[in-house]
Amino acid sequence: MSFFVPKKDQCLVCPKYNRANADEKANLIQNYEDHIERKRACYAEKAKDKERAEKEPNFLSATFDLQAILQNPSTEVGLLYYTRKLTVYNLTLYESALPNEAYCFVWTEVHGKKGSSEVGTILAHYLTNCIPENVTEVSLFSDTCGGQNRNQFIAALLLRVINQSKQLQIIEHKFLESGHSYMEADSMHSSIEYAKKHRVVYCLSDWINIYKDARSRHV
């Protein structure tokens, strides 16, 4: 017996519709078609912003997502395997236009949780310290997780950044359809998992070295 652990939240609408019988589908079809249309519109919007970012130097489009919880230490040694681990969080951010700058913002449960306060702090740091000086408009894409991304606190944070910035004129935060939110930032998670294989982690700096190796392997 084995268990499948999905890397992203699974769609609730599509499997329900696909498994339904003919009578049930008649009641579900409108919601299903609306769902598919929103999915297509979201990906089309992301593709449009990516193309625009490649053509307009003052426009930047990026995706961001929180990676699944990591553990420290991470090893197969029996005595350590069953001990209480330190939780490590990693929010990845990926810029869509070349040279595809990618960021890993890392912290542990000692420094904070994984809610809107932490995500907002990272976005504020990125928007005020990391973007090129010529950028005046930013488009951010994320999933619809209410506790982290889609809430009043992130909206207020972005409003504060735009009001205080002498550089930025527009910040848009766009959400992908629930269940279909795979983004470029998520590909960073796969690269990190690949770089982690057969490696032992004892401290936070080991995780940081893995992040760096993941980037060098997949440029």
N, C-alpha and C. Protein backbone atom coordinates (compact mmCIF):
# COMPACT_ATOMS: atom_id res chain seq x y z
N MET A 1 0.84 -1.19 0.00
CA MET A 1 0.00 0.00 0.00
C MET A 1 0.88 1.24 0.00
N SER A 2 0.48 2.25 -0.75
CA SER A 2 1.24 3.50 -0.81
C SER A 2 0.28 4.67 -0.84
N PHE A 3 0.82 5.83 -0.51
CA PHE A 3 0.02 7.04 -0.47
C PHE A 3 0.62 8.06 -1.42
N PHE A 4 -0.25 8.70 -2.19
CA PHE A 4 0.19 9.76 -3.10
C PHE A 4 0.06 11.10 -2.42
N VAL A 5 1.16 11.85 -2.41
CA VAL A 5 1.15 13.18 -1.81
C VAL A 5 1.23 14.21 -2.93
N PRO A 6 0.16 14.93 -3.21
CA PRO A 6 0.17 15.91 -4.30
C PRO A 6 1.09 17.06 -3.98
N LYS A 7 1.78 17.58 -5.00
CA LYS A 7 2.68 18.70 -4.81
C LYS A 7 1.93 20.03 -4.78
N LYS A 8 0.73 20.04 -5.32
CA LYS A 8 -0.11 21.23 -5.27
C LYS A 8 -1.50 20.81 -4.84
N ASP A 9 -2.27 21.79 -4.33
CA ASP A 9 -3.66 21.50 -3.99
C ASP A 9 -4.39 21.00 -5.24
N GLN A 10 -5.13 19.91 -5.08
CA GLN A 10 -5.82 19.32 -6.22
C GLN A 10 -7.14 20.05 -6.49
N CYS A 11 -7.52 20.10 -7.76
CA CYS A 11 -8.77 20.74 -8.14
C CYS A 11 -9.95 19.94 -7.61
N LEU A 12 -10.93 20.63 -7.06
CA LEU A 12 -12.13 19.97 -6.54
C LEU A 12 -13.24 19.87 -7.58
N VAL A 13 -13.24 20.80 -8.52
CA VAL A 13 -14.34 20.88 -9.49
C VAL A 13 -14.20 19.83 -10.59
N CYS A 14 -13.01 19.73 -11.20
CA CYS A 14 -12.82 18.83 -12.35
C CYS A 14 -13.06 17.35 -12.00
N PRO A 15 -12.44 16.81 -10.95
CA PRO A 15 -12.70 15.39 -10.63
C PRO A 15 -14.17 15.11 -10.31
N LYS A 16 -14.81 16.05 -9.62
CA LYS A 16 -16.22 15.86 -9.29
C LYS A 16 -17.07 15.76 -10.55
N TYR A 17 -16.77 16.61 -11.53
CA TYR A 17 -17.52 16.58 -12.78
C TYR A 17 -17.20 15.33 -13.59
N ASN A 18 -15.92 14.97 -13.66
CA ASN A 18 -15.51 13.82 -14.48
C ASN A 18 -16.04 12.50 -13.93
N ARG A 19 -16.23 12.43 -12.63
CA ARG A 19 -16.71 11.18 -12.02
C ARG A 19 -18.24 11.09 -11.97
N ALA A 20 -18.89 12.18 -12.27
CA ALA A 20 -20.36 12.22 -12.16
C ALA A 20 -21.01 11.43 -13.30
N ASN A 21 -22.23 10.94 -13.02
CA ASN A 21 -22.99 10.28 -14.08
C ASN A 21 -23.71 11.34 -14.92
N ALA A 22 -24.44 10.90 -15.91
CA ALA A 22 -25.06 11.84 -16.86
C ALA A 22 -26.02 12.81 -16.17
N ASP A 23 -26.82 12.31 -15.25
CA ASP A 23 -27.78 13.17 -14.56
C ASP A 23 -27.07 14.20 -13.69
N GLU A 24 -26.03 13.76 -13.00
CA GLU A 24 -25.28 14.67 -12.13
C GLU A 24 -24.54 15.72 -12.95
N LYS A 25 -24.01 15.32 -14.10
CA LYS A 25 -23.28 16.27 -14.94
C LYS A 25 -24.19 17.38 -15.45
N ALA A 26 -25.45 17.08 -15.65
CA ALA A 26 -26.39 18.10 -16.10
C ALA A 26 -26.51 19.23 -15.09
N ASN A 27 -26.39 18.89 -13.81
CA ASN A 27 -26.46 19.90 -12.75
C ASN A 27 -25.13 20.60 -12.51
N LEU A 28 -24.04 19.93 -12.90
CA LEU A 28 -22.71 20.46 -12.61
C LEU A 28 -22.08 21.19 -13.79
N ILE A 29 -22.63 21.03 -14.98
CA ILE A 29 -21.93 21.48 -16.18
C ILE A 29 -21.70 22.99 -16.21
N GLN A 30 -22.66 23.78 -15.74
CA GLN A 30 -22.49 25.23 -15.79
C GLN A 30 -21.33 25.68 -14.91
N ASN A 31 -21.29 25.14 -13.70
CA ASN A 31 -20.20 25.48 -12.78
C ASN A 31 -18.86 25.00 -13.33
N TYR A 32 -18.86 23.82 -13.95
CA TYR A 32 -17.64 23.26 -14.52
C TYR A 32 -17.14 24.12 -15.69
N GLU A 33 -18.03 24.50 -16.58
CA GLU A 33 -17.62 25.31 -17.73
C GLU A 33 -17.12 26.68 -17.30
N ASP A 34 -17.76 27.28 -16.29
CA ASP A 34 -17.29 28.56 -15.76
C ASP A 34 -15.89 28.41 -15.16
N HIS A 35 -15.69 27.31 -14.47
CA HIS A 35 -14.39 27.02 -13.85
C HIS A 35 -13.30 26.89 -14.91
N ILE A 36 -13.57 26.16 -15.98
CA ILE A 36 -12.60 25.98 -17.05
C ILE A 36 -12.32 27.30 -17.76
N GLU A 37 -13.34 28.10 -17.94
CA GLU A 37 -13.16 29.40 -18.59
C GLU A 37 -12.28 30.31 -17.74
N ARG A 38 -12.49 30.29 -16.42
CA ARG A 38 -11.65 31.10 -15.52
C ARG A 38 -10.21 30.61 -15.56
N LYS A 39 -10.03 29.30 -15.62
CA LYS A 39 -8.68 28.75 -15.70
C LYS A 39 -7.96 29.24 -16.96
N ARG A 40 -8.65 29.18 -18.09
CA ARG A 40 -8.05 29.62 -19.35
C ARG A 40 -7.75 31.11 -19.32
N ALA A 41 -8.67 31.89 -18.76
CA ALA A 41 -8.48 33.33 -18.70
C ALA A 41 -7.28 33.69 -17.83
N CYS A 42 -7.11 32.97 -16.73
CA CYS A 42 -5.99 33.23 -15.82
C CYS A 42 -4.66 32.95 -16.49
N TYR A 43 -4.56 31.81 -17.15
CA TYR A 43 -3.30 31.46 -17.82
C TYR A 43 -3.03 32.39 -19.01
N ALA A 44 -4.09 32.81 -19.69
CA ALA A 44 -3.91 33.76 -20.79
C ALA A 44 -3.40 35.10 -20.27
N GLU A 45 -3.93 35.53 -19.13
CA GLU A 45 -3.48 36.79 -18.53
C GLU A 45 -2.02 36.69 -18.11
N LYS A 46 -1.63 35.57 -17.55
CA LYS A 46 -0.23 35.39 -17.14
C LYS A 46 0.70 35.38 -18.34
N ALA A 47 0.28 34.70 -19.41
CA ALA A 47 1.08 34.66 -20.63
C ALA A 47 1.20 36.05 -21.25
N LYS A 48 0.12 36.82 -21.21
CA LYS A 48 0.14 38.17 -21.76
C LYS A 48 1.11 39.05 -20.98
N ASP A 49 1.08 38.95 -19.65
CA ASP A 49 1.99 39.76 -18.83
C ASP A 49 3.44 39.34 -19.02
N LYS A 50 3.67 38.05 -19.21
CA LYS A 50 5.03 37.58 -19.46
C LYS A 50 5.57 38.16 -20.76
N GLU A 51 4.75 38.14 -21.81
CA GLU A 51 5.16 38.71 -23.10
C GLU A 51 5.41 40.21 -22.99
N ARG A 52 4.56 40.88 -22.23
CA ARG A 52 4.73 42.32 -22.06
C ARG A 52 6.01 42.63 -21.29
N ALA A 53 6.31 41.83 -20.27
CA ALA A 53 7.52 42.05 -19.47
C ALA A 53 8.78 41.88 -20.30
N GLU A 54 8.72 41.01 -21.31
CA GLU A 54 9.87 40.79 -22.17
C GLU A 54 10.08 41.94 -23.15
N LYS A 55 9.02 42.71 -23.41
CA LYS A 55 9.10 43.80 -24.38
C LYS A 55 9.26 45.17 -23.73
N GLU A 56 8.70 45.35 -22.54
CA GLU A 56 8.70 46.66 -21.88
C GLU A 56 9.60 46.63 -20.65
N PRO A 57 10.71 47.36 -20.67
CA PRO A 57 11.66 47.32 -19.54
C PRO A 57 11.11 47.92 -18.25
N ASN A 58 10.07 48.74 -18.35
CA ASN A 58 9.51 49.35 -17.14
C ASN A 58 8.40 48.51 -16.51
N PHE A 59 8.12 47.33 -17.10
CA PHE A 59 7.07 46.45 -16.60
C PHE A 59 7.69 45.14 -16.13
N LEU A 60 7.30 44.69 -14.95
CA LEU A 60 7.83 43.44 -14.39
C LEU A 60 6.68 42.53 -13.98
N SER A 61 6.76 41.27 -14.38
CA SER A 61 5.77 40.28 -13.99
C SER A 61 6.47 39.15 -13.26
N ALA A 62 5.90 38.70 -12.15
CA ALA A 62 6.53 37.66 -11.34
C ALA A 62 5.46 36.78 -10.70
N THR A 63 5.83 35.54 -10.42
CA THR A 63 4.97 34.63 -9.69
C THR A 63 5.63 34.30 -8.36
N PHE A 64 4.82 34.04 -7.34
CA PHE A 64 5.40 33.65 -6.05
C PHE A 64 4.51 32.60 -5.38
N ASP A 65 5.16 31.75 -4.59
CA ASP A 65 4.44 30.68 -3.90
C ASP A 65 5.27 30.16 -2.74
N LEU A 66 4.60 29.69 -1.73
CA LEU A 66 5.27 29.12 -0.56
C LEU A 66 5.49 27.63 -0.79
N GLN A 67 6.72 27.20 -0.64
CA GLN A 67 7.04 25.78 -0.81
C GLN A 67 6.49 24.97 0.35
N ALA A 68 6.28 23.69 0.12
CA ALA A 68 5.86 22.80 1.20
C ALA A 68 6.88 22.85 2.34
N ILE A 69 6.41 22.66 3.55
CA ILE A 69 7.26 22.78 4.73
C ILE A 69 8.48 21.87 4.63
N LEU A 70 9.64 22.44 4.94
CA LEU A 70 10.89 21.69 4.99
C LEU A 70 11.27 21.45 6.44
N GLN A 71 12.16 20.50 6.67
CA GLN A 71 12.54 20.16 8.03
C GLN A 71 14.04 20.24 8.23
N ASN A 72 14.41 20.58 9.45
CA ASN A 72 15.81 20.72 9.81
C ASN A 72 16.03 20.12 11.20
N PRO A 73 16.84 19.07 11.34
CA PRO A 73 17.64 18.42 10.30
C PRO A 73 16.80 17.51 9.41
N SER A 74 17.35 17.18 8.25
CA SER A 74 16.70 16.27 7.32
C SER A 74 17.68 15.16 6.98
N THR A 75 17.46 13.99 7.57
CA THR A 75 18.38 12.88 7.41
C THR A 75 17.65 11.57 7.64
N GLU A 76 18.22 10.48 7.15
CA GLU A 76 17.63 9.16 7.34
C GLU A 76 18.16 8.46 8.59
N VAL A 77 19.04 9.11 9.33
CA VAL A 77 19.56 8.52 10.56
C VAL A 77 18.42 8.31 11.54
N GLY A 78 18.30 7.09 12.06
CA GLY A 78 17.15 6.72 12.88
C GLY A 78 16.90 7.62 14.06
N LEU A 79 17.94 7.93 14.84
CA LEU A 79 17.77 8.73 16.05
C LEU A 79 17.27 10.13 15.72
N LEU A 80 17.67 10.66 14.58
CA LEU A 80 17.23 12.00 14.19
C LEU A 80 15.90 11.97 13.44
N TYR A 81 15.64 10.87 12.75
CA TYR A 81 14.43 10.77 11.92
C TYR A 81 13.16 10.93 12.75
N TYR A 82 13.18 10.42 13.97
CA TYR A 82 11.97 10.43 14.80
C TYR A 82 11.98 11.53 15.85
N THR A 83 12.91 12.46 15.78
CA THR A 83 12.94 13.56 16.74
C THR A 83 12.16 14.75 16.20
N ARG A 84 11.85 15.66 17.09
CA ARG A 84 11.15 16.89 16.72
C ARG A 84 12.05 17.74 15.84
N LYS A 85 11.56 18.13 14.66
CA LYS A 85 12.35 18.91 13.71
C LYS A 85 12.03 20.40 13.81
N LEU A 86 12.98 21.21 13.36
CA LEU A 86 12.75 22.64 13.21
C LEU A 86 12.11 22.88 11.85
N THR A 87 10.98 23.55 11.83
CA THR A 87 10.27 23.81 10.57
C THR A 87 10.92 24.96 9.82
N VAL A 88 11.16 24.74 8.53
CA VAL A 88 11.78 25.74 7.66
C VAL A 88 10.78 26.12 6.57
N TYR A 89 10.62 27.42 6.35
CA TYR A 89 9.72 27.93 5.32
C TYR A 89 10.54 28.57 4.19
N ASN A 90 10.04 28.46 2.98
CA ASN A 90 10.72 29.03 1.82
C ASN A 90 9.68 29.58 0.84
N LEU A 91 9.65 30.88 0.69
CA LEU A 91 8.78 31.50 -0.31
C LEU A 91 9.61 31.80 -1.54
N THR A 92 9.22 31.22 -2.67
CA THR A 92 9.96 31.42 -3.91
C THR A 92 9.26 32.46 -4.78
N LEU A 93 10.07 33.26 -5.45
CA LEU A 93 9.55 34.29 -6.36
C LEU A 93 10.36 34.23 -7.65
N TYR A 94 9.65 34.20 -8.77
CA TYR A 94 10.29 34.00 -10.07
C TYR A 94 9.83 35.08 -11.04
N GLU A 95 10.78 35.82 -11.61
CA GLU A 95 10.47 36.86 -12.58
C GLU A 95 10.34 36.24 -13.96
N SER A 96 9.28 36.58 -14.68
CA SER A 96 8.94 35.89 -15.92
C SER A 96 9.84 36.26 -17.09
N ALA A 97 10.36 37.47 -17.12
CA ALA A 97 11.19 37.90 -18.25
C ALA A 97 12.66 37.56 -18.00
N LEU A 98 13.39 37.36 -19.08
CA LEU A 98 14.81 37.10 -18.96
C LEU A 98 15.51 38.25 -18.25
N PRO A 99 16.50 37.96 -17.42
CA PRO A 99 17.18 36.67 -17.20
C PRO A 99 16.51 35.77 -16.17
N ASN A 100 15.23 35.94 -15.93
CA ASN A 100 14.46 35.09 -15.00
C ASN A 100 15.08 35.05 -13.61
N GLU A 101 15.22 36.22 -13.02
CA GLU A 101 15.73 36.28 -11.65
C GLU A 101 14.81 35.50 -10.72
N ALA A 102 15.40 34.71 -9.84
CA ALA A 102 14.62 33.88 -8.92
C ALA A 102 15.13 34.11 -7.50
N TYR A 103 14.19 34.16 -6.55
CA TYR A 103 14.53 34.46 -5.16
C TYR A 103 13.95 33.39 -4.24
N CYS A 104 14.71 33.04 -3.23
CA CYS A 104 14.23 32.19 -2.14
C CYS A 104 14.29 33.00 -0.85
N PHE A 105 13.15 33.25 -0.26
CA PHE A 105 13.08 33.97 1.01
C PHE A 105 12.84 32.93 2.11
N VAL A 106 13.83 32.75 2.97
CA VAL A 106 13.85 31.63 3.89
C VAL A 106 13.77 32.11 5.33
N TRP A 107 12.96 31.40 6.13
CA TRP A 107 12.90 31.65 7.57
C TRP A 107 12.46 30.37 8.28
N THR A 108 12.54 30.35 9.59
CA THR A 108 12.14 29.18 10.36
C THR A 108 11.00 29.55 11.30
N GLU A 109 10.46 28.54 11.97
CA GLU A 109 9.38 28.78 12.92
C GLU A 109 9.83 29.64 14.10
N VAL A 110 11.14 29.77 14.29
CA VAL A 110 11.66 30.66 15.33
C VAL A 110 11.38 32.12 14.97
N HIS A 111 11.44 32.42 13.67
CA HIS A 111 11.30 33.80 13.21
C HIS A 111 9.85 34.19 12.93
N GLY A 112 9.01 33.22 12.65
CA GLY A 112 7.62 33.55 12.32
C GLY A 112 6.86 32.33 11.85
N LYS A 113 5.63 32.57 11.42
CA LYS A 113 4.78 31.50 10.91
C LYS A 113 4.79 31.54 9.39
N LYS A 114 3.69 31.16 8.75
CA LYS A 114 3.62 31.20 7.29
C LYS A 114 2.32 31.86 6.83
N GLY A 115 1.97 32.94 7.51
CA GLY A 115 0.73 33.63 7.21
C GLY A 115 0.93 34.89 6.40
N SER A 116 -0.08 35.73 6.40
CA SER A 116 -0.06 36.94 5.59
C SER A 116 1.00 37.94 6.07
N SER A 117 1.30 37.95 7.37
CA SER A 117 2.31 38.88 7.88
C SER A 117 3.68 38.58 7.28
N GLU A 118 4.03 37.30 7.26
CA GLU A 118 5.32 36.91 6.71
C GLU A 118 5.37 37.12 5.20
N VAL A 119 4.32 36.72 4.50
CA VAL A 119 4.28 36.91 3.04
C VAL A 119 4.32 38.40 2.70
N GLY A 120 3.57 39.20 3.44
CA GLY A 120 3.56 40.64 3.20
C GLY A 120 4.91 41.28 3.44
N THR A 121 5.59 40.86 4.49
CA THR A 121 6.93 41.39 4.77
C THR A 121 7.89 41.09 3.63
N ILE A 122 7.81 39.88 3.10
CA ILE A 122 8.68 39.49 1.98
C ILE A 122 8.35 40.31 0.73
N LEU A 123 7.07 40.46 0.42
CA LEU A 123 6.69 41.24 -0.76
C LEU A 123 7.15 42.68 -0.63
N ALA A 124 7.00 43.25 0.56
CA ALA A 124 7.44 44.63 0.78
C ALA A 124 8.95 44.76 0.56
N HIS A 125 9.70 43.79 1.08
CA HIS A 125 11.16 43.81 0.89
C HIS A 125 11.51 43.69 -0.59
N TYR A 126 10.86 42.78 -1.28
CA TYR A 126 11.15 42.58 -2.70
C TYR A 126 10.83 43.83 -3.51
N LEU A 127 9.67 44.41 -3.28
CA LEU A 127 9.24 45.56 -4.08
C LEU A 127 10.05 46.82 -3.79
N THR A 128 10.62 46.93 -2.62
CA THR A 128 11.37 48.13 -2.26
C THR A 128 12.89 47.97 -2.40
N ASN A 129 13.37 46.72 -2.51
CA ASN A 129 14.82 46.52 -2.52
C ASN A 129 15.35 45.68 -3.69
N CYS A 130 14.50 44.93 -4.36
CA CYS A 130 15.00 43.95 -5.33
C CYS A 130 14.70 44.27 -6.79
N ILE A 131 13.66 45.01 -7.06
CA ILE A 131 13.29 45.24 -8.46
C ILE A 131 14.21 46.30 -9.09
N PRO A 132 14.44 46.23 -10.40
CA PRO A 132 15.29 47.21 -11.07
C PRO A 132 14.73 48.63 -10.94
N GLU A 133 15.62 49.60 -10.99
CA GLU A 133 15.23 51.00 -10.78
C GLU A 133 14.33 51.54 -11.88
N ASN A 134 14.39 50.94 -13.08
CA ASN A 134 13.58 51.45 -14.19
C ASN A 134 12.15 50.92 -14.18
N VAL A 135 11.83 49.98 -13.30
CA VAL A 135 10.50 49.38 -13.26
C VAL A 135 9.52 50.31 -12.55
N THR A 136 8.40 50.59 -13.20
CA THR A 136 7.36 51.44 -12.61
C THR A 136 6.04 50.70 -12.42
N GLU A 137 5.90 49.52 -13.04
CA GLU A 137 4.66 48.74 -12.93
C GLU A 137 5.00 47.28 -12.67
N VAL A 138 4.31 46.69 -11.71
CA VAL A 138 4.57 45.30 -11.32
C VAL A 138 3.27 44.50 -11.33
N SER A 139 3.35 43.30 -11.88
CA SER A 139 2.22 42.37 -11.89
C SER A 139 2.64 41.11 -11.15
N LEU A 140 1.94 40.79 -10.07
CA LEU A 140 2.26 39.62 -9.24
C LEU A 140 1.17 38.57 -9.38
N PHE A 141 1.57 37.32 -9.57
CA PHE A 141 0.62 36.20 -9.65
C PHE A 141 0.85 35.25 -8.48
N SER A 142 -0.26 34.77 -7.91
CA SER A 142 -0.17 33.78 -6.83
C SER A 142 -1.41 32.91 -6.85
N ASP A 143 -1.43 31.90 -5.97
CA ASP A 143 -2.65 31.11 -5.82
C ASP A 143 -3.62 31.85 -4.91
N THR A 144 -4.76 31.24 -4.63
CA THR A 144 -5.83 31.93 -3.90
C THR A 144 -5.86 31.59 -2.42
N CYS A 145 -4.77 31.11 -1.87
CA CYS A 145 -4.73 30.77 -0.45
C CYS A 145 -5.10 31.99 0.40
N GLY A 146 -6.21 31.90 1.11
CA GLY A 146 -6.71 33.04 1.86
C GLY A 146 -5.84 33.43 3.04
N GLY A 147 -5.21 32.45 3.69
CA GLY A 147 -4.40 32.75 4.85
C GLY A 147 -3.07 33.39 4.53
N GLN A 148 -2.64 33.30 3.27
CA GLN A 148 -1.32 33.80 2.90
C GLN A 148 -1.37 34.91 1.86
N ASN A 149 -2.18 34.76 0.83
CA ASN A 149 -2.10 35.66 -0.33
C ASN A 149 -3.34 36.51 -0.55
N ARG A 150 -4.49 35.88 -0.52
CA ARG A 150 -5.72 36.58 -0.91
C ARG A 150 -6.46 37.06 0.33
N ASN A 151 -6.06 38.19 0.85
CA ASN A 151 -6.67 38.72 2.07
C ASN A 151 -6.44 40.23 2.15
N GLN A 152 -7.11 40.85 3.09
CA GLN A 152 -7.06 42.30 3.24
C GLN A 152 -5.69 42.80 3.66
N PHE A 153 -4.91 41.97 4.33
CA PHE A 153 -3.61 42.40 4.83
C PHE A 153 -2.61 42.56 3.69
N ILE A 154 -2.61 41.63 2.75
CA ILE A 154 -1.73 41.76 1.59
C ILE A 154 -2.16 42.94 0.73
N ALA A 155 -3.46 43.13 0.57
CA ALA A 155 -3.96 44.27 -0.20
C ALA A 155 -3.52 45.58 0.45
N ALA A 156 -3.63 45.66 1.77
CA ALA A 156 -3.22 46.88 2.49
C ALA A 156 -1.72 47.10 2.37
N LEU A 157 -0.96 46.02 2.43
CA LEU A 157 0.49 46.11 2.31
C LEU A 157 0.90 46.66 0.95
N LEU A 158 0.29 46.14 -0.12
CA LEU A 158 0.62 46.61 -1.46
C LEU A 158 0.21 48.07 -1.65
N LEU A 159 -0.91 48.46 -1.04
CA LEU A 159 -1.34 49.86 -1.10
C LEU A 159 -0.33 50.75 -0.38
N ARG A 160 0.17 50.30 0.75
CA ARG A 160 1.17 51.07 1.50
C ARG A 160 2.45 51.23 0.69
N VAL A 161 2.88 50.14 0.04
CA VAL A 161 4.10 50.20 -0.77
C VAL A 161 3.94 51.20 -1.90
N ILE A 162 2.81 51.16 -2.60
CA ILE A 162 2.61 52.05 -3.74
C ILE A 162 2.51 53.50 -3.29
N ASN A 163 1.95 53.74 -2.10
CA ASN A 163 1.83 55.11 -1.60
C ASN A 163 3.17 55.68 -1.15
N GLN A 164 4.05 54.82 -0.68
CA GLN A 164 5.34 55.29 -0.16
C GLN A 164 6.44 55.29 -1.22
N SER A 165 6.23 54.55 -2.30
CA SER A 165 7.28 54.42 -3.31
C SER A 165 7.35 55.64 -4.21
N LYS A 166 8.54 56.10 -4.49
CA LYS A 166 8.76 57.16 -5.45
C LYS A 166 9.00 56.59 -6.85
N GLN A 167 9.12 55.28 -6.92
CA GLN A 167 9.42 54.60 -8.18
C GLN A 167 8.20 53.94 -8.79
N LEU A 168 7.48 53.15 -8.00
CA LEU A 168 6.37 52.36 -8.51
C LEU A 168 5.10 53.19 -8.66
N GLN A 169 4.41 52.98 -9.77
CA GLN A 169 3.14 53.66 -10.03
C GLN A 169 1.95 52.70 -9.98
N ILE A 170 2.19 51.44 -10.35
CA ILE A 170 1.11 50.45 -10.39
C ILE A 170 1.62 49.11 -9.85
N ILE A 171 0.85 48.50 -8.95
CA ILE A 171 1.09 47.13 -8.51
C ILE A 171 -0.22 46.37 -8.65
N GLU A 172 -0.22 45.30 -9.42
CA GLU A 172 -1.40 44.45 -9.56
C GLU A 172 -1.10 43.08 -8.97
N HIS A 173 -2.04 42.58 -8.18
CA HIS A 173 -1.93 41.23 -7.63
C HIS A 173 -3.03 40.39 -8.25
N LYS A 174 -2.66 39.40 -9.04
CA LYS A 174 -3.62 38.58 -9.78
C LYS A 174 -3.58 37.14 -9.27
N PHE A 175 -4.76 36.51 -9.25
CA PHE A 175 -4.89 35.17 -8.68
C PHE A 175 -5.27 34.17 -9.76
N LEU A 176 -4.62 33.02 -9.72
CA LEU A 176 -4.96 31.94 -10.63
C LEU A 176 -6.14 31.15 -10.08
N GLU A 177 -6.83 30.45 -10.96
CA GLU A 177 -8.00 29.68 -10.56
C GLU A 177 -7.61 28.56 -9.60
N SER A 178 -8.39 28.40 -8.55
CA SER A 178 -8.12 27.37 -7.55
C SER A 178 -8.08 25.99 -8.19
N GLY A 179 -7.03 25.23 -7.86
CA GLY A 179 -6.86 23.91 -8.44
C GLY A 179 -6.06 23.89 -9.72
N HIS A 180 -5.80 25.06 -10.29
CA HIS A 180 -5.02 25.17 -11.53
C HIS A 180 -4.03 26.32 -11.38
N SER A 181 -3.25 26.29 -10.32
CA SER A 181 -2.40 27.43 -9.99
C SER A 181 -0.91 27.12 -10.12
N TYR A 182 -0.57 26.17 -11.00
CA TYR A 182 0.86 25.88 -11.19
C TYR A 182 1.52 27.06 -11.89
N MET A 183 2.65 27.51 -11.31
CA MET A 183 3.34 28.69 -11.81
C MET A 183 4.83 28.41 -11.96
N GLU A 184 5.54 29.36 -12.56
CA GLU A 184 6.99 29.23 -12.71
C GLU A 184 7.68 29.12 -11.35
N ALA A 185 7.14 29.82 -10.35
CA ALA A 185 7.74 29.74 -9.02
C ALA A 185 7.69 28.32 -8.47
N ASP A 186 6.68 27.55 -8.87
CA ASP A 186 6.58 26.16 -8.41
C ASP A 186 7.65 25.27 -9.02
N SER A 187 8.15 25.63 -10.20
CA SER A 187 9.22 24.84 -10.80
C SER A 187 10.49 24.92 -9.97
N MET A 188 10.64 26.02 -9.23
CA MET A 188 11.77 26.14 -8.32
C MET A 188 11.70 25.08 -7.23
N HIS A 189 10.50 24.78 -6.77
CA HIS A 189 10.35 23.77 -5.73
C HIS A 189 10.83 22.41 -6.23
N SER A 190 10.50 22.08 -7.46
CA SER A 190 10.94 20.80 -8.04
C SER A 190 12.45 20.75 -8.16
N SER A 191 13.05 21.87 -8.56
CA SER A 191 14.51 21.92 -8.67
C SER A 191 15.18 21.75 -7.32
N ILE A 192 14.58 22.36 -6.29
CA ILE A 192 15.13 22.23 -4.94
C ILE A 192 15.03 20.79 -4.45
N GLU A 193 13.89 20.16 -4.69
CA GLU A 193 13.72 18.77 -4.28
C GLU A 193 14.72 17.86 -4.99
N TYR A 194 14.98 18.14 -6.25
CA TYR A 194 15.96 17.34 -7.00
C TYR A 194 17.36 17.53 -6.43
N ALA A 195 17.71 18.79 -6.12
CA ALA A 195 19.04 19.07 -5.57
C ALA A 195 19.21 18.49 -4.17
N LYS A 196 18.10 18.30 -3.45
CA LYS A 196 18.16 17.77 -2.09
C LYS A 196 18.39 16.26 -2.05
N LYS A 197 18.09 15.56 -3.12
CA LYS A 197 18.19 14.10 -3.12
C LYS A 197 19.57 13.64 -2.66
N HIS A 198 19.58 12.68 -1.75
CA HIS A 198 20.80 12.04 -1.25
C HIS A 198 21.72 13.02 -0.51
N ARG A 199 21.15 14.12 -0.04
CA ARG A 199 21.94 15.07 0.75
C ARG A 199 21.35 15.18 2.14
N VAL A 200 22.23 15.40 3.09
CA VAL A 200 21.83 15.50 4.49
C VAL A 200 21.85 16.97 4.90
N VAL A 201 20.82 17.37 5.63
CA VAL A 201 20.71 18.75 6.10
C VAL A 201 20.77 18.75 7.62
N TYR A 202 21.71 19.53 8.16
CA TYR A 202 21.83 19.65 9.61
C TYR A 202 21.49 21.05 10.11
N CYS A 203 21.63 22.05 9.25
CA CYS A 203 21.39 23.42 9.68
C CYS A 203 20.82 24.22 8.51
N LEU A 204 20.38 25.44 8.80
CA LEU A 204 19.72 26.26 7.78
C LEU A 204 20.65 26.58 6.62
N SER A 205 21.93 26.75 6.90
CA SER A 205 22.88 27.06 5.82
C SER A 205 22.97 25.91 4.81
N ASP A 206 22.72 24.67 5.27
CA ASP A 206 22.71 23.55 4.33
C ASP A 206 21.56 23.68 3.34
N TRP A 207 20.39 24.11 3.82
CA TRP A 207 19.26 24.35 2.93
C TRP A 207 19.59 25.45 1.93
N ILE A 208 20.23 26.51 2.39
CA ILE A 208 20.57 27.63 1.50
C ILE A 208 21.53 27.17 0.41
N ASN A 209 22.49 26.33 0.76
CA ASN A 209 23.40 25.79 -0.26
C ASN A 209 22.66 24.94 -1.28
N ILE A 210 21.65 24.21 -0.83
CA ILE A 210 20.84 23.41 -1.75
C ILE A 210 20.07 24.32 -2.70
N TYR A 211 19.53 25.43 -2.20
CA TYR A 211 18.83 26.38 -3.07
C TYR A 211 19.77 26.90 -4.16
N LYS A 212 20.99 27.22 -3.77
CA LYS A 212 21.96 27.74 -4.74
C LYS A 212 22.32 26.68 -5.77
N ASP A 213 22.50 25.44 -5.32
CA ASP A 213 22.82 24.36 -6.26
C ASP A 213 21.65 24.10 -7.21
N ALA A 214 20.43 24.21 -6.71
CA ALA A 214 19.25 24.00 -7.55
C ALA A 214 19.22 25.01 -8.69
N ARG A 215 19.58 26.24 -8.41
CA ARG A 215 19.62 27.28 -9.44
C ARG A 215 20.69 26.99 -10.47
N SER A 216 21.89 26.60 -10.03
CA SER A 216 22.99 26.37 -10.96
C SER A 216 22.75 25.16 -11.85
N ARG A 217 21.97 24.18 -11.35
CA ARG A 217 21.68 22.98 -12.13
C ARG A 217 20.63 23.23 -13.20
N HIS A 218 19.78 24.26 -13.00
CA HIS A 218 18.62 24.42 -13.87
C HIS A 218 18.55 25.79 -14.53
N VAL A 219 19.70 26.45 -14.72
CA VAL A 219 19.69 27.72 -15.42
C VAL A 219 19.53 27.47 -16.91
